[in-house]
Amino acid sequence: MCVEIVHYHALVNKEKVGLIFLGSGLKQGDPLSPYLFILGMEGLSKLLKKVKARGEVHEI
């Protein structure tokens, strides 16, 4: 099975503010998958910390 396109909705203050499309040609079970996931999550984590520091988002 190969996941080609995934989309997510972003929520800010409990409102949908955007749609994020992610495309990939990497097959499930590929040895690189965990490393690519970690890289993506590190970037998202840094972005969320910056937004939280500006007071634009709050913890649940």
N, C-alpha and C. Protein backbone atom coordinates (compact mmCIF):
# COMPACT_ATOMS: atom_id res chain seq x y z
N MET A 1 0.84 -1.18 0.00
CA MET A 1 0.00 0.00 0.00
C MET A 1 0.89 1.24 0.00
N CYS A 2 0.54 2.20 -0.80
CA CYS A 2 1.31 3.44 -0.89
C CYS A 2 0.38 4.62 -0.64
N VAL A 3 0.70 5.43 0.36
CA VAL A 3 -0.08 6.63 0.65
C VAL A 3 0.48 7.75 -0.21
N GLU A 4 -0.34 8.30 -1.08
CA GLU A 4 0.14 9.33 -1.99
C GLU A 4 -0.22 10.74 -1.55
N ILE A 5 -1.43 10.94 -1.08
CA ILE A 5 -1.84 12.28 -0.67
C ILE A 5 -2.63 12.18 0.63
N VAL A 6 -2.28 13.04 1.58
CA VAL A 6 -2.97 13.13 2.85
C VAL A 6 -3.29 14.60 3.07
N HIS A 7 -4.43 14.89 3.68
CA HIS A 7 -4.72 16.28 4.00
C HIS A 7 -5.18 16.40 5.45
N TYR A 8 -4.87 17.55 6.03
CA TYR A 8 -5.20 17.85 7.41
C TYR A 8 -5.86 19.22 7.47
N HIS A 9 -6.68 19.43 8.47
CA HIS A 9 -7.25 20.74 8.75
C HIS A 9 -6.51 21.30 9.96
N ALA A 10 -6.20 22.58 9.93
CA ALA A 10 -5.58 23.24 11.07
C ALA A 10 -6.66 23.95 11.87
N LEU A 11 -6.59 23.86 13.20
CA LEU A 11 -7.55 24.54 14.06
C LEU A 11 -6.83 25.61 14.87
N VAL A 12 -7.38 26.82 14.87
CA VAL A 12 -6.88 27.91 15.70
C VAL A 12 -8.10 28.49 16.41
N ASN A 13 -8.04 28.53 17.73
CA ASN A 13 -9.18 28.99 18.53
C ASN A 13 -10.45 28.22 18.17
N LYS A 14 -10.31 26.92 18.00
CA LYS A 14 -11.42 26.00 17.71
C LYS A 14 -12.09 26.26 16.37
N GLU A 15 -11.42 26.96 15.46
CA GLU A 15 -11.96 27.21 14.13
C GLU A 15 -11.00 26.67 13.08
N LYS A 16 -11.56 26.07 12.03
CA LYS A 16 -10.73 25.61 10.92
C LYS A 16 -10.16 26.83 10.20
N VAL A 17 -8.85 26.85 10.03
CA VAL A 17 -8.23 27.99 9.36
C VAL A 17 -7.52 27.60 8.08
N GLY A 18 -7.40 26.35 7.82
CA GLY A 18 -6.71 25.98 6.60
C GLY A 18 -6.73 24.50 6.34
N LEU A 19 -6.35 24.16 5.15
CA LEU A 19 -6.26 22.77 4.74
C LEU A 19 -4.84 22.53 4.28
N ILE A 20 -4.19 21.52 4.83
CA ILE A 20 -2.80 21.21 4.51
C ILE A 20 -2.78 19.91 3.74
N PHE A 21 -2.22 19.94 2.54
CA PHE A 21 -2.09 18.73 1.72
C PHE A 21 -0.65 18.24 1.79
N LEU A 22 -0.47 16.98 2.05
CA LEU A 22 0.85 16.37 2.07
C LEU A 22 0.88 15.27 1.02
N GLY A 23 1.87 15.32 0.17
CA GLY A 23 2.00 14.29 -0.85
C GLY A 23 3.27 13.48 -0.61
N SER A 24 3.22 12.23 -0.99
CA SER A 24 4.38 11.37 -0.77
C SER A 24 4.34 10.20 -1.72
N GLY A 25 5.50 9.74 -2.10
CA GLY A 25 5.58 8.55 -2.92
C GLY A 25 6.24 7.42 -2.13
N LEU A 26 6.46 7.65 -0.85
CA LEU A 26 7.12 6.68 0.02
C LEU A 26 6.12 5.61 0.44
N LYS A 27 6.47 4.38 0.26
CA LYS A 27 5.57 3.28 0.61
C LYS A 27 5.59 3.02 2.11
N GLN A 28 4.44 2.57 2.63
CA GLN A 28 4.38 2.21 4.03
C GLN A 28 5.36 1.07 4.28
N GLY A 29 6.05 1.14 5.41
CA GLY A 29 7.01 0.12 5.76
C GLY A 29 8.41 0.41 5.25
N ASP A 30 8.58 1.51 4.51
CA ASP A 30 9.89 1.90 4.01
C ASP A 30 10.78 2.23 5.20
N PRO A 31 12.05 1.80 5.20
CA PRO A 31 12.93 2.06 6.34
C PRO A 31 13.16 3.54 6.62
N LEU A 32 12.93 4.41 5.64
CA LEU A 32 13.11 5.85 5.86
C LEU A 32 11.91 6.51 6.54
N SER A 33 10.77 5.85 6.56
CA SER A 33 9.55 6.44 7.10
C SER A 33 9.71 7.01 8.51
N PRO A 34 10.27 6.28 9.47
CA PRO A 34 10.39 6.84 10.82
C PRO A 34 11.25 8.10 10.87
N TYR A 35 12.29 8.15 10.07
CA TYR A 35 13.18 9.31 10.08
C TYR A 35 12.50 10.52 9.46
N LEU A 36 11.76 10.32 8.39
CA LEU A 36 11.03 11.42 7.77
C LEU A 36 9.93 11.93 8.70
N PHE A 37 9.30 11.03 9.43
CA PHE A 37 8.28 11.43 10.40
C PHE A 37 8.91 12.30 11.49
N ILE A 38 10.05 11.89 12.01
CA ILE A 38 10.73 12.65 13.06
C ILE A 38 11.10 14.04 12.55
N LEU A 39 11.64 14.13 11.34
CA LEU A 39 12.00 15.44 10.78
C LEU A 39 10.77 16.34 10.66
N GLY A 40 9.68 15.79 10.18
CA GLY A 40 8.45 16.57 10.05
C GLY A 40 7.91 17.03 11.39
N MET A 41 7.94 16.15 12.39
CA MET A 41 7.42 16.49 13.71
C MET A 41 8.30 17.52 14.41
N GLU A 42 9.62 17.48 14.18
CA GLU A 42 10.50 18.48 14.78
C GLU A 42 10.16 19.87 14.25
N GLY A 43 9.95 19.96 12.95
CA GLY A 43 9.58 21.25 12.36
C GLY A 43 8.24 21.75 12.87
N LEU A 44 7.26 20.86 12.95
CA LEU A 44 5.94 21.23 13.45
C LEU A 44 6.02 21.65 14.92
N SER A 45 6.81 20.93 15.71
CA SER A 45 6.96 21.25 17.12
C SER A 45 7.55 22.65 17.31
N LYS A 46 8.58 22.98 16.54
CA LYS A 46 9.20 24.31 16.63
C LYS A 46 8.21 25.39 16.22
N LEU A 47 7.44 25.14 15.18
CA LEU A 47 6.44 26.10 14.73
C LEU A 47 5.38 26.34 15.80
N LEU A 48 4.89 25.27 16.41
CA LEU A 48 3.87 25.40 17.45
C LEU A 48 4.40 26.13 18.68
N LYS A 49 5.67 25.90 19.04
CA LYS A 49 6.26 26.60 20.18
C LYS A 49 6.34 28.10 19.91
N LYS A 50 6.70 28.49 18.68
CA LYS A 50 6.76 29.91 18.32
C LYS A 50 5.38 30.55 18.39
N VAL A 51 4.38 29.85 17.87
CA VAL A 51 3.01 30.37 17.86
C VAL A 51 2.50 30.50 19.30
N LYS A 52 2.80 29.51 20.14
CA LYS A 52 2.37 29.55 21.54
C LYS A 52 3.05 30.70 22.28
N ALA A 53 4.33 30.93 22.01
CA ALA A 53 5.06 32.01 22.66
C ALA A 53 4.45 33.37 22.33
N ARG A 54 3.88 33.50 21.14
CA ARG A 54 3.23 34.76 20.73
C ARG A 54 1.81 34.85 21.28
N GLY A 55 1.35 33.79 21.94
CA GLY A 55 0.01 33.79 22.53
C GLY A 55 -1.10 33.52 21.53
N GLU A 56 -0.76 32.97 20.38
CA GLU A 56 -1.75 32.72 19.34
C GLU A 56 -2.43 31.36 19.49
N VAL A 57 -1.89 30.50 20.32
CA VAL A 57 -2.48 29.18 20.54
C VAL A 57 -2.24 28.81 22.00
N HIS A 58 -3.15 28.01 22.55
CA HIS A 58 -3.05 27.62 23.96
C HIS A 58 -3.10 26.11 24.08
N GLU A 59 -2.52 25.60 25.15
CA GLU A 59 -2.53 24.16 25.39
C GLU A 59 -3.95 23.69 25.65
N ILE A 60 -4.19 22.44 25.33
CA ILE A 60 -5.51 21.86 25.57
C ILE A 60 -5.55 21.28 26.96
